[in-house]
Amino acid sequence: MKITVKDCLGLNAFNEAKVLAGENSLNDPVRRVTVMEAADPEDAEKYYSSGNQIILTSFFAVRGDEKAQCEIVKAVAGAENTALAIFHVGKVVRSISKKVIETAEEAGMPLIAVSEDRTLEMGDVISEISGKMFYGTDEDFEHSVINNVIFHLLNFEKYSNFPDAAKAAAINNDFQLIILSEDFNPVLSVETRHRTTIAEAIRLGKEREVAKQSDVYTLIEVNGVLTYWGPVTIQGSKYFMFIVDNEDSFSGSDINKLAEIIELAMGMWRYTPERDARAEFIKALRRGNMSLAYSLKDEIGLEPSDIVSVFYGKGIEQGKGKKIMEEFEKDPDLSMIRIAEDDDTYGLIMSTGDDISGKSECIALFNELKGRRDIRIFHVTGLDGIEGACDAYKLIGESWSFVQGVFPYKRVFTKYEMALVSNCINIQLHGGYVKKNYMELLEPFNEMAESKGKQLLDTLETFVLDAGMNSGKTADFMDIHTNTVQYRLKKINDILGAEITGNRVIPGLTIALALKRIERVVS
């Protein structure tokens, strides 16, 4: 609910408090209240910059430093905070100096002095202001709003369906309503203003982990717009709903009652949300259902040529991985659709800019994700429309479980590794002379003494498949000296009768070694 500095001064918490400066700004809105412990202006600016806050302090750390007090006042005002209340005046700070008062007046910020005679602590003040902010006191207003919402939501004679009734209720009571699928894709949007975007609200909702919140609606401010988030059950399925308070008119209890009424109305209308077209599009690509994908593209506003990358990830919805994904979603030139199934995530990245392909940005994202040991990313970046996206998901689906066995040290797998492994799987399945030809490339190692042959073959595997043909990395992987690696590689060249790094030799050896590792996976 919208309250002002003047409203707060009328509370018992500020009984007998004096306004020393900034009286012309007493009607500024208050959205938060917090305690400041900053000892210098840099900390005040850095840690108390949310804006629209009443900040409570005793100037304990700067109680004898008038200059520091003035600088902190400037920093707090510069961060667009609503007021600064100084407690224990006469006990901690002997008095508020004329210079400090003049600084606050010049900044146009109310400066409030609470004397040492007041027995209330700062915690009591926070509790009183928060109660006013979230629960309000104007029952007549609350009842009139709720009654008006009910009048529209349950007017079965005037409206033909729930979305029409919800739109009328929202317009007449100055709120907005968005219902999201479990994958955070909009399935119903009742927008009455456009001060920010649904995509930005969803991004912040994910950051605040609203999916883990209780039934009490969570307040999230999105670019100055107040949104309240909570879970809702429709026809036995879980959804998320957020309500936008256009004019900061509702208290927290108003919002919870409003949400209950909306959920009740959906049941009475027997409302079923539209299908989650964005999630269905991803599922159609995964199943290779191009006809369904084409039928959905217009519904989600997608041009096939805008598809840059498809991916499958494990473990990216937690911790650092989740934060990296959320940061990527802020890119104005790219948009992402993703659906989560337990620890698995399937996604699609599209270009929304006029002069950007997006390939390098996608690759940078996937490479940033690989820092976590429990994360695996399988992606195909650089696609040819819907057909290419279907083929890419087919490649991922065929190879992801095997490619990890062939390249156990990698965290991010591209179409190059997956194409190699997919070909090896086909060779393995069909067997015959093709597989025989490749496996015979490694036969010289089987003709040696068992321990020596295994040692050299392990070195060759590590050198080619794990270390990118880098002898230093091979030494690290095998925990041996680089000179030992060089010696073994020379022996391998002699045994094979070929230079293993040669352009005509390495392709066949790579496939043979990959086949060998796949055999271990399936055996």
Protein backbone atom coordinates (compact mmCIF):
# COMPACT_ATOMS: atom_id res chain seq x y z
CA MET A 1 0.00 0.00 0.00
CA LYS A 2 1.28 3.47 -0.82
CA ILE A 3 2.42 5.43 2.23
CA THR A 4 4.43 8.64 2.53
CA VAL A 5 6.94 10.11 4.95
CA LYS A 6 4.08 12.18 6.39
CA ASP A 7 2.08 8.97 7.02
CA CYS A 8 5.04 7.48 8.88
CA LEU A 9 5.44 10.60 11.03
CA GLY A 10 1.86 10.05 12.19
CA LEU A 11 2.75 6.65 13.64
CA ASN A 12 3.54 6.11 17.31
CA ALA A 13 7.11 5.24 16.27
CA PHE A 14 7.76 8.90 15.43
CA ASN A 15 5.76 10.48 18.23
CA GLU A 16 7.50 13.76 19.23
CA ALA A 17 10.08 13.35 16.44
CA LYS A 18 11.18 16.63 14.82
CA VAL A 19 11.51 17.32 11.11
CA LEU A 20 14.69 19.38 10.80
CA ALA A 21 14.82 19.66 7.01
CA GLY A 22 13.06 18.69 3.79
CA GLU A 23 9.47 19.52 4.81
CA ASN A 24 8.56 20.05 1.14
CA SER A 25 9.26 16.35 0.47
CA LEU A 26 7.08 14.81 3.18
CA ASN A 27 4.66 13.46 0.56
CA ASP A 28 7.34 11.32 -1.11
CA PRO A 29 6.50 7.58 -1.15
CA VAL A 30 8.07 5.07 1.23
CA ARG A 31 8.65 1.56 -0.07
CA ARG A 32 11.16 0.23 2.48
CA VAL A 33 12.68 0.96 5.87
CA THR A 34 16.22 -0.08 6.83
CA VAL A 35 18.96 0.55 9.39
CA MET A 36 22.21 2.14 8.20
CA GLU A 37 25.58 1.32 9.74
CA ALA A 38 27.76 3.11 7.16
CA ALA A 39 30.85 4.86 8.49
CA ASP A 40 31.65 6.75 5.27
CA PRO A 41 29.76 8.11 2.22
CA GLU A 42 31.12 5.40 -0.09
CA ASP A 43 29.50 2.66 2.01
CA ALA A 44 26.28 4.69 2.29
CA GLU A 45 26.09 5.06 -1.48
CA LYS A 46 27.03 1.43 -2.17
CA TYR A 47 24.85 -0.40 0.34
CA TYR A 48 21.83 1.92 0.73
CA SER A 49 21.04 2.77 -2.89
CA SER A 50 17.69 1.00 -3.36
CA GLY A 51 15.77 4.30 -3.28
CA ASN A 52 12.42 5.23 -1.68
CA GLN A 53 13.69 4.11 1.74
CA ILE A 54 13.43 5.65 5.17
CA ILE A 55 16.89 5.05 6.57
CA LEU A 56 17.35 4.81 10.34
CA THR A 57 20.73 5.58 11.91
CA SER A 58 22.31 6.93 15.09
CA PHE A 59 25.48 8.23 13.35
CA PHE A 60 27.30 6.09 15.91
CA ALA A 61 30.39 5.59 13.69
CA VAL A 62 30.63 9.32 12.83
CA ARG A 63 29.12 10.86 15.94
CA GLY A 64 31.93 13.41 16.34
CA ASP A 65 32.61 14.08 12.65
CA GLU A 66 30.34 16.78 11.20
CA LYS A 67 31.96 16.61 7.75
CA ALA A 68 31.42 12.83 7.48
CA GLN A 69 27.80 13.27 8.61
CA CYS A 70 27.21 15.82 5.83
CA GLU A 71 28.79 13.56 3.22
CA ILE A 72 26.64 10.61 4.31
CA VAL A 73 23.51 12.80 4.10
CA LYS A 74 24.49 13.75 0.53
CA ALA A 75 25.11 10.11 -0.40
CA VAL A 76 21.79 8.93 1.06
CA ALA A 77 19.88 11.72 -0.71
CA GLY A 78 21.77 11.12 -3.96
CA ALA A 79 20.59 7.50 -3.92
CA GLU A 80 16.99 8.81 -4.02
CA ASN A 81 16.14 7.67 -0.53
CA THR A 82 13.01 9.17 0.99
CA ALA A 83 14.19 10.29 4.42
CA LEU A 84 16.93 9.94 7.03
CA ALA A 85 15.90 9.49 10.67
CA ILE A 86 18.57 9.99 13.33
CA PHE A 87 17.94 8.22 16.64
CA HIS A 88 19.31 8.79 20.15
CA VAL A 89 19.93 12.49 19.52
CA GLY A 90 21.45 13.91 22.70
CA LYS A 91 22.89 10.52 23.68
CA VAL A 92 24.96 9.28 20.75
CA VAL A 93 25.05 12.50 18.72
CA ARG A 94 24.85 15.44 21.12
CA SER A 95 22.92 17.49 18.57
CA ILE A 96 22.34 17.75 14.84
CA SER A 97 24.55 20.57 13.61
CA LYS A 98 23.32 23.46 11.47
CA LYS A 99 25.61 22.33 8.66
CA VAL A 100 24.08 18.84 8.55
CA ILE A 101 20.57 20.33 8.51
CA GLU A 102 21.51 22.71 5.68
CA THR A 103 22.97 19.79 3.69
CA ALA A 104 19.72 17.83 3.97
CA GLU A 105 17.66 20.91 3.07
CA GLU A 106 19.76 21.55 -0.03
CA ALA A 107 19.29 17.91 -1.06
CA GLY A 108 15.52 18.19 -0.53
CA MET A 109 15.47 15.16 1.78
CA PRO A 110 13.54 15.07 5.06
CA LEU A 111 15.87 14.87 8.07
CA ILE A 112 14.15 13.57 11.19
CA ALA A 113 15.54 13.74 14.74
CA VAL A 114 14.38 11.23 17.37
CA SER A 115 15.54 12.27 20.84
CA GLU A 116 17.05 10.07 23.52
CA ASP A 117 13.84 10.39 25.53
CA ARG A 118 12.05 7.98 23.18
CA THR A 119 12.04 4.41 24.52
CA LEU A 120 11.24 2.77 21.16
CA GLU A 121 14.09 0.96 19.44
CA MET A 122 14.75 0.95 15.70
CA GLY A 123 13.24 -2.55 15.44
CA ASP A 124 9.95 -1.19 16.79
CA VAL A 125 10.00 1.53 14.15
CA ILE A 126 10.63 -0.97 11.37
CA SER A 127 7.78 -3.14 12.63
CA GLU A 128 5.30 -0.22 12.75
CA ILE A 129 6.20 1.15 9.31
CA SER A 130 6.14 -2.34 7.75
CA GLY A 131 2.74 -3.00 9.27
CA LYS A 132 1.39 0.23 7.81
CA MET A 133 2.98 -0.54 4.46
CA PHE A 134 1.78 -4.12 4.08
CA TYR A 135 -1.50 -4.26 5.98
CA GLY A 136 -2.84 -0.72 5.88
CA THR A 137 -5.67 0.59 8.03
CA ASP A 138 -8.32 1.80 5.60
CA GLU A 139 -10.92 -0.98 5.74
CA ASP A 140 -13.45 0.97 3.69
CA PHE A 141 -10.97 1.22 0.82
CA GLU A 142 -10.15 -2.48 1.09
CA HIS A 143 -13.78 -3.53 1.06
CA SER A 144 -14.69 -1.28 -1.87
CA VAL A 145 -11.85 -2.60 -3.99
CA ILE A 146 -12.51 -6.25 -3.18
CA ASN A 147 -16.23 -5.85 -3.80
CA ASN A 148 -15.60 -4.18 -7.13
CA VAL A 149 -13.21 -6.96 -8.19
CA ILE A 150 -15.78 -9.60 -7.24
CA PHE A 151 -18.49 -7.71 -9.16
CA HIS A 152 -16.51 -7.99 -12.40
CA LEU A 153 -14.88 -11.40 -11.91
CA LEU A 154 -18.16 -13.14 -11.18
CA ASN A 155 -20.42 -11.28 -13.61
CA PHE A 156 -21.45 -14.29 -15.67
CA GLU A 157 -24.19 -12.37 -17.46
CA LYS A 158 -21.96 -9.60 -18.80
CA TYR A 159 -18.80 -11.52 -19.68
CA SER A 160 -18.45 -14.71 -21.71
CA ASN A 161 -15.21 -16.03 -20.21
CA PHE A 162 -12.71 -15.57 -17.38
CA PRO A 163 -10.09 -13.55 -19.36
CA ASP A 164 -12.73 -10.93 -20.30
CA ALA A 165 -13.96 -10.71 -16.70
CA ALA A 166 -10.39 -10.46 -15.38
CA LYS A 167 -9.58 -7.67 -17.86
CA ALA A 168 -12.61 -5.65 -16.73
CA ALA A 169 -11.71 -6.18 -13.06
CA ALA A 170 -8.10 -5.12 -13.70
CA ILE A 171 -9.04 -1.98 -15.67
CA ASN A 172 -11.58 -0.84 -13.08
CA ASN A 173 -9.30 -1.48 -10.10
CA ASP A 174 -5.96 -0.46 -11.54
CA PHE A 175 -4.05 -3.74 -11.39
CA GLN A 176 -2.58 -6.20 -13.88
CA LEU A 177 -2.61 -9.98 -13.90
CA ILE A 178 -0.14 -12.41 -15.46
CA ILE A 179 -0.38 -16.21 -15.21
CA LEU A 180 2.72 -18.26 -16.02
CA SER A 181 3.25 -21.94 -16.64
CA GLU A 182 5.52 -23.95 -14.37
CA ASP A 183 8.32 -23.13 -16.85
CA PHE A 184 7.65 -19.39 -16.39
CA ASN A 185 6.09 -18.88 -19.83
CA PRO A 186 3.02 -16.55 -19.96
CA VAL A 187 -0.29 -18.33 -20.59
CA LEU A 188 -2.56 -15.37 -19.71
CA SER A 189 -1.67 -11.66 -19.77
CA VAL A 190 -4.06 -8.95 -18.61
CA GLU A 191 -1.99 -5.80 -19.07
CA THR A 192 -3.42 -2.35 -18.36
CA ARG A 193 -0.13 -0.43 -18.46
CA HIS A 194 3.27 -0.86 -20.09
CA ARG A 195 5.90 0.64 -17.79
CA THR A 196 8.08 -2.47 -17.96
CA THR A 197 8.08 -5.82 -19.78
CA ILE A 198 6.78 -9.21 -18.74
CA ALA A 199 10.18 -10.67 -19.69
CA GLU A 200 11.96 -8.37 -17.22
CA ALA A 201 9.46 -9.25 -14.48
CA ILE A 202 9.95 -12.97 -15.15
CA ARG A 203 13.73 -12.58 -15.02
CA LEU A 204 13.54 -10.91 -11.59
CA GLY A 205 10.98 -13.47 -10.42
CA LYS A 206 13.42 -16.25 -11.24
CA GLU A 207 16.24 -14.40 -9.47
CA ARG A 208 14.12 -14.15 -6.33
CA GLU A 209 13.30 -17.87 -6.62
CA VAL A 210 9.55 -17.33 -6.40
CA ALA A 211 9.11 -21.01 -7.30
CA LYS A 212 10.26 -21.83 -3.76
CA GLN A 213 8.02 -19.29 -2.03
CA SER A 214 5.06 -20.16 0.18
CA ASP A 215 1.43 -19.26 -0.49
CA VAL A 216 2.01 -15.72 0.81
CA TYR A 217 2.55 -13.43 -2.15
CA THR A 218 6.09 -12.05 -2.55
CA LEU A 219 6.65 -8.37 -3.43
CA ILE A 220 9.16 -7.73 -6.23
CA GLU A 221 9.78 -4.25 -7.57
CA VAL A 222 10.46 -4.27 -11.34
CA ASN A 223 11.78 -0.96 -12.65
CA GLY A 224 9.58 0.94 -10.21
CA VAL A 225 6.55 -1.32 -10.78
CA LEU A 226 5.25 -3.31 -7.79
CA THR A 227 4.55 -6.96 -8.58
CA TYR A 228 3.27 -9.61 -6.17
CA TRP A 229 4.10 -13.27 -6.92
CA GLY A 230 2.67 -16.53 -5.72
CA PRO A 231 1.69 -20.08 -6.75
CA VAL A 232 -1.78 -20.93 -8.02
CA THR A 233 -3.45 -24.24 -8.86
CA ILE A 234 -5.69 -24.38 -11.94
CA GLN A 235 -7.52 -27.56 -12.93
CA GLY A 236 -5.13 -29.52 -10.69
CA SER A 237 -1.97 -28.13 -12.34
CA LYS A 238 0.60 -25.77 -10.84
CA TYR A 239 1.03 -22.27 -12.24
CA PHE A 240 2.47 -18.99 -11.05
CA MET A 241 0.55 -15.74 -10.90
CA PHE A 242 1.81 -12.24 -10.41
CA ILE A 243 -0.34 -9.21 -9.77
CA VAL A 244 0.88 -5.72 -10.65
CA ASP A 245 -0.20 -2.87 -8.37
CA ASN A 246 -0.29 0.03 -10.85
CA GLU A 247 -0.65 2.86 -8.34
CA ASP A 248 0.87 1.32 -5.18
CA SER A 249 -2.68 1.24 -3.83
CA PHE A 250 -2.94 -2.25 -2.30
CA SER A 251 -1.68 -3.50 1.03
CA GLY A 252 -0.13 -6.95 1.36
CA SER A 253 -3.39 -8.30 2.82
CA ASP A 254 -5.32 -6.77 -0.12
CA ILE A 255 -3.09 -8.62 -2.57
CA ASN A 256 -3.52 -11.97 -0.81
CA LYS A 257 -7.31 -11.54 -0.75
CA LEU A 258 -7.28 -10.46 -4.39
CA ALA A 259 -5.27 -13.56 -5.33
CA GLU A 260 -7.70 -15.82 -3.44
CA ILE A 261 -10.66 -14.26 -5.25
CA ILE A 262 -9.00 -14.59 -8.65
CA GLU A 263 -8.22 -18.27 -8.01
CA LEU A 264 -11.80 -18.86 -6.83
CA ALA A 265 -13.16 -17.11 -9.94
CA MET A 266 -11.03 -19.26 -12.23
CA GLY A 267 -12.58 -22.34 -10.66
CA MET A 268 -16.12 -21.00 -11.01
CA TRP A 269 -15.53 -20.10 -14.66
CA ARG A 270 -13.95 -23.55 -15.17
CA TYR A 271 -11.06 -21.67 -16.72
CA THR A 272 -8.29 -23.68 -18.40
CA PRO A 273 -5.19 -21.68 -19.43
CA GLU A 274 -4.03 -21.80 -23.00
CA ARG A 275 -1.29 -24.31 -23.64
CA ASP A 276 2.25 -23.17 -22.97
CA ALA A 277 3.14 -22.65 -26.63
CA ARG A 278 6.79 -21.87 -25.92
CA ALA A 279 7.30 -25.09 -23.94
CA GLU A 280 5.34 -27.06 -26.57
CA PHE A 281 7.61 -25.63 -29.27
CA ILE A 282 10.72 -26.93 -27.50
CA LYS A 283 9.06 -30.35 -27.01
CA ALA A 284 8.09 -30.46 -30.70
CA LEU A 285 11.71 -29.82 -31.70
CA ARG A 286 12.92 -32.54 -29.33
CA ARG A 287 10.45 -35.03 -30.85
CA GLY A 288 11.36 -33.97 -34.39
CA ASN A 289 7.76 -32.90 -35.01
CA MET A 290 8.43 -30.18 -37.57
CA SER A 291 4.79 -29.73 -38.59
CA LEU A 292 3.79 -28.94 -34.97
CA ALA A 293 6.82 -26.67 -34.56
CA TYR A 294 5.83 -24.72 -37.68
CA SER A 295 2.25 -24.40 -36.44
CA LEU A 296 3.49 -22.97 -33.12
CA LYS A 297 6.09 -20.52 -34.45
CA ASP A 298 3.58 -17.75 -35.20
CA GLU A 299 1.86 -18.23 -31.84
CA ILE A 300 5.11 -17.51 -30.01
CA GLY A 301 6.23 -14.81 -32.48
CA LEU A 302 9.30 -16.61 -33.79
CA GLU A 303 10.98 -16.41 -37.19
CA PRO A 304 12.82 -19.69 -37.97
CA SER A 305 15.82 -17.74 -39.24
CA ASP A 306 16.21 -16.18 -35.76
CA ILE A 307 17.10 -19.53 -34.13
CA VAL A 308 20.76 -19.40 -33.12
CA SER A 309 21.25 -22.37 -30.81
CA VAL A 310 19.54 -25.30 -29.11
CA PHE A 311 20.92 -26.92 -26.00
CA TYR A 312 20.42 -29.54 -23.33
CA GLY A 313 21.94 -28.94 -19.92
CA LYS A 314 22.31 -30.85 -16.68
CA GLY A 315 22.70 -29.02 -13.38
CA ILE A 316 22.37 -25.47 -14.74
CA GLU A 317 19.28 -24.49 -12.74
CA GLN A 318 21.13 -24.30 -9.42
CA GLY A 319 23.73 -22.03 -7.85
CA LYS A 320 26.23 -20.36 -10.13
CA GLY A 321 24.76 -21.93 -13.27
CA LYS A 322 21.37 -20.39 -12.57
CA LYS A 323 22.89 -16.94 -12.01
CA ILE A 324 24.84 -17.17 -15.27
CA MET A 325 21.68 -18.07 -17.18
CA GLU A 326 19.75 -15.20 -15.59
CA GLU A 327 22.52 -12.74 -16.46
CA PHE A 328 22.50 -13.95 -20.06
CA GLU A 329 18.75 -13.33 -20.26
CA LYS A 330 19.41 -9.60 -19.81
CA ASP A 331 21.02 -9.45 -23.29
CA PRO A 332 18.66 -7.23 -25.32
CA ASP A 333 19.74 -8.80 -28.64
CA LEU A 334 19.01 -12.42 -27.66
CA SER A 335 16.06 -14.19 -26.10
CA MET A 336 15.83 -17.63 -24.56
CA ILE A 337 13.11 -20.23 -24.14
CA ARG A 338 13.87 -23.02 -21.71
CA ILE A 339 12.00 -25.73 -19.89
CA ALA A 340 13.22 -27.59 -16.84
CA GLU A 341 12.53 -31.23 -15.99
CA ASP A 342 14.11 -32.06 -12.63
CA ASP A 343 17.85 -31.52 -13.16
CA ASP A 344 17.55 -31.38 -16.98
CA THR A 345 17.06 -28.20 -18.98
CA TYR A 346 16.15 -27.95 -22.67
CA GLY A 347 16.47 -24.60 -24.36
CA LEU A 348 16.43 -22.50 -27.49
CA ILE A 349 18.25 -19.20 -28.06
CA MET A 350 17.02 -16.71 -30.64
CA SER A 351 18.46 -13.51 -32.08
CA THR A 352 16.25 -10.46 -31.61
CA GLY A 353 18.69 -7.81 -32.88
CA ASP A 354 18.97 -6.55 -36.44
CA ASP A 355 22.72 -6.90 -36.88
CA ILE A 356 23.74 -9.78 -34.66
CA SER A 357 24.05 -13.49 -35.33
CA GLY A 358 24.41 -14.32 -31.63
CA LYS A 359 26.74 -17.30 -32.17
CA SER A 360 29.69 -15.85 -30.28
CA GLU A 361 27.45 -14.78 -27.36
CA CYS A 362 25.98 -18.29 -27.10
CA ILE A 363 29.38 -19.94 -27.16
CA ALA A 364 30.61 -17.50 -24.50
CA LEU A 365 27.59 -18.44 -22.33
CA PHE A 366 28.21 -22.18 -22.62
CA ASN A 367 31.92 -21.78 -21.94
CA GLU A 368 31.15 -19.72 -18.83
CA LEU A 369 28.89 -22.48 -17.53
CA LYS A 370 31.56 -25.16 -17.76
CA GLY A 371 33.31 -23.99 -14.58
CA ARG A 372 31.08 -26.19 -12.39
CA ARG A 373 31.99 -29.87 -12.02
CA ASP A 374 28.35 -30.95 -11.85
CA ILE A 375 27.30 -29.07 -15.01
CA ARG A 376 27.13 -30.60 -18.48
CA ILE A 377 26.07 -28.67 -21.59
CA PHE A 378 25.30 -30.18 -25.00
CA HIS A 379 24.66 -27.54 -27.65
CA VAL A 380 24.42 -27.05 -31.37
CA THR A 381 25.05 -23.42 -32.26
CA GLY A 382 24.66 -22.04 -35.77
CA LEU A 383 21.42 -23.49 -37.16
CA ASP A 384 19.31 -23.54 -40.30
CA GLY A 385 15.78 -22.82 -39.10
CA ILE A 386 13.33 -25.31 -37.61
CA GLU A 387 14.70 -28.25 -39.62
CA GLY A 388 18.18 -27.53 -38.28
CA ALA A 389 16.86 -27.24 -34.71
CA CYS A 390 15.08 -30.61 -35.00
CA ASP A 391 18.22 -32.23 -36.39
CA ALA A 392 20.28 -30.65 -33.61
CA TYR A 393 18.05 -32.09 -30.87
CA LYS A 394 18.17 -35.47 -32.61
CA LEU A 395 21.98 -35.32 -32.56
CA ILE A 396 21.97 -34.35 -28.87
CA GLY A 397 19.47 -37.09 -28.00
CA GLU A 398 21.47 -39.80 -29.80
CA SER A 399 24.88 -38.90 -28.45
CA TRP A 400 24.75 -37.12 -25.08
CA SER A 401 25.05 -40.20 -22.88
CA PHE A 402 27.97 -41.60 -24.93
CA VAL A 403 29.87 -38.38 -25.60
CA GLN A 404 30.60 -38.02 -21.87
CA GLY A 405 32.26 -41.43 -21.90
CA VAL A 406 34.42 -40.53 -24.90
CA PHE A 407 35.40 -37.11 -23.50
CA PRO A 408 35.20 -37.55 -19.69
CA TYR A 409 37.06 -34.33 -18.86
CA LYS A 410 34.85 -32.01 -20.89
CA ARG A 411 31.90 -30.08 -19.49
CA VAL A 412 30.62 -28.47 -22.71
CA PHE A 413 29.99 -30.56 -25.82
CA THR A 414 29.51 -28.99 -29.26
CA LYS A 415 28.16 -30.43 -32.51
CA TYR A 416 31.73 -31.45 -33.42
CA GLU A 417 32.18 -33.85 -30.50
CA MET A 418 28.60 -35.09 -30.79
CA ALA A 419 28.83 -35.65 -34.56
CA LEU A 420 32.00 -37.68 -34.05
CA VAL A 421 30.39 -39.78 -31.32
CA SER A 422 27.15 -40.20 -33.32
CA ASN A 423 29.16 -41.61 -36.24
CA CYS A 424 31.00 -43.93 -33.88
CA ILE A 425 27.70 -45.17 -32.43
CA ASN A 426 26.50 -46.05 -35.95
CA ILE A 427 29.77 -47.86 -36.66
CA GLN A 428 29.48 -49.71 -33.35
CA LEU A 429 25.88 -50.74 -34.04
CA HIS A 430 26.49 -51.95 -37.57
CA GLY A 431 29.87 -53.55 -36.87
CA GLY A 432 31.15 -55.33 -39.95
CA TYR A 433 34.19 -54.44 -41.97
CA VAL A 434 33.92 -50.66 -41.28
CA LYS A 435 34.39 -51.14 -37.55
CA LYS A 436 37.01 -53.83 -38.22
CA ASN A 437 39.05 -51.41 -40.38
CA TYR A 438 39.16 -48.82 -37.62
CA MET A 439 39.93 -51.21 -34.78
CA GLU A 440 42.79 -52.74 -36.78
CA LEU A 441 44.54 -49.35 -36.60
CA LEU A 442 45.14 -50.10 -32.90
CA GLU A 443 46.14 -53.73 -33.42
CA PRO A 444 49.93 -53.08 -33.13
CA PHE A 445 49.44 -52.32 -29.43
CA ASN A 446 47.80 -55.73 -28.88
CA GLU A 447 50.87 -57.44 -30.37
CA MET A 448 53.14 -55.99 -27.68
CA ALA A 449 53.61 -57.15 -24.11
CA GLU A 450 50.32 -56.46 -22.33
CA SER A 451 51.54 -53.88 -19.81
CA LYS A 452 53.67 -51.97 -22.32
CA GLY A 453 50.99 -51.99 -25.00
CA LYS A 454 48.35 -50.76 -22.53
CA GLN A 455 50.65 -47.99 -21.28
CA LEU A 456 51.27 -46.65 -24.79
CA LEU A 457 47.63 -46.98 -25.82
CA ASP A 458 46.47 -45.12 -22.71
CA THR A 459 48.95 -42.36 -23.52
CA LEU A 460 47.68 -42.15 -27.11
CA GLU A 461 44.03 -42.01 -25.91
CA THR A 462 44.77 -39.23 -23.47
CA PHE A 463 46.86 -37.30 -25.99
CA VAL A 464 44.21 -37.40 -28.74
CA LEU A 465 40.87 -37.41 -26.92
CA ASP A 466 41.53 -35.54 -23.67
CA ALA A 467 44.50 -33.22 -24.15
CA GLY A 468 43.86 -31.94 -27.68
CA MET A 469 47.21 -33.36 -28.80
CA ASN A 470 49.06 -31.22 -26.26
CA SER A 471 51.89 -33.12 -24.60
CA GLY A 472 51.97 -30.81 -21.57
CA LYS A 473 48.28 -31.38 -20.86
CA THR A 474 48.76 -35.10 -21.44
CA ALA A 475 51.46 -35.10 -18.76
CA ASP A 476 49.08 -33.30 -16.36
CA PHE A 477 46.22 -35.73 -17.01
CA MET A 478 48.45 -38.76 -16.54
CA ASP A 479 50.54 -37.26 -13.72
CA ILE A 480 53.83 -37.99 -15.48
CA HIS A 481 56.71 -35.83 -16.75
CA THR A 482 56.43 -34.14 -20.16
CA ASN A 483 59.66 -35.84 -21.27
CA THR A 484 58.02 -39.20 -20.54
CA VAL A 485 55.07 -38.24 -22.76
CA GLN A 486 57.41 -37.19 -25.57
CA TYR A 487 59.30 -40.48 -25.31
CA ARG A 488 56.09 -42.52 -25.44
CA LEU A 489 54.74 -40.55 -28.40
CA LYS A 490 57.94 -41.25 -30.32
CA LYS A 491 57.56 -44.96 -29.53
CA ILE A 492 53.90 -44.82 -30.70
CA ASN A 493 55.00 -43.26 -34.01
CA ASP A 494 57.51 -46.06 -34.47
CA ILE A 495 54.98 -48.79 -33.66
CA LEU A 496 52.30 -47.38 -35.98
CA GLY A 497 54.79 -46.49 -38.71
CA ALA A 498 53.15 -43.06 -39.06
CA GLU A 499 53.31 -39.57 -37.62
CA ILE A 500 50.25 -39.55 -35.34
CA THR A 501 49.73 -35.80 -35.65
CA GLY A 502 49.60 -35.94 -39.44
CA ASN A 503 46.45 -34.68 -41.19
CA ARG A 504 45.90 -38.03 -42.91
CA VAL A 505 46.45 -40.09 -39.78
CA ILE A 506 44.63 -38.33 -36.92
CA PRO A 507 41.01 -38.66 -38.23
CA GLY A 508 41.18 -42.45 -38.39
CA LEU A 509 42.97 -42.73 -35.06
CA THR A 510 40.43 -40.43 -33.37
CA ILE A 511 37.51 -42.60 -34.51
CA ALA A 512 39.32 -45.80 -33.52
CA LEU A 513 40.08 -44.47 -30.03
CA ALA A 514 36.53 -43.14 -29.61
CA LEU A 515 35.14 -46.56 -30.63
CA LYS A 516 37.34 -48.14 -28.01
CA ARG A 517 35.94 -45.89 -25.28
CA ILE A 518 32.34 -46.44 -26.44
CA GLU A 519 32.87 -50.17 -26.12
CA ARG A 520 33.80 -49.60 -22.49
CA VAL A 521 30.60 -47.56 -21.95
CA VAL A 522 28.29 -50.20 -23.41
CA SER A 523 30.09 -53.23 -22.01
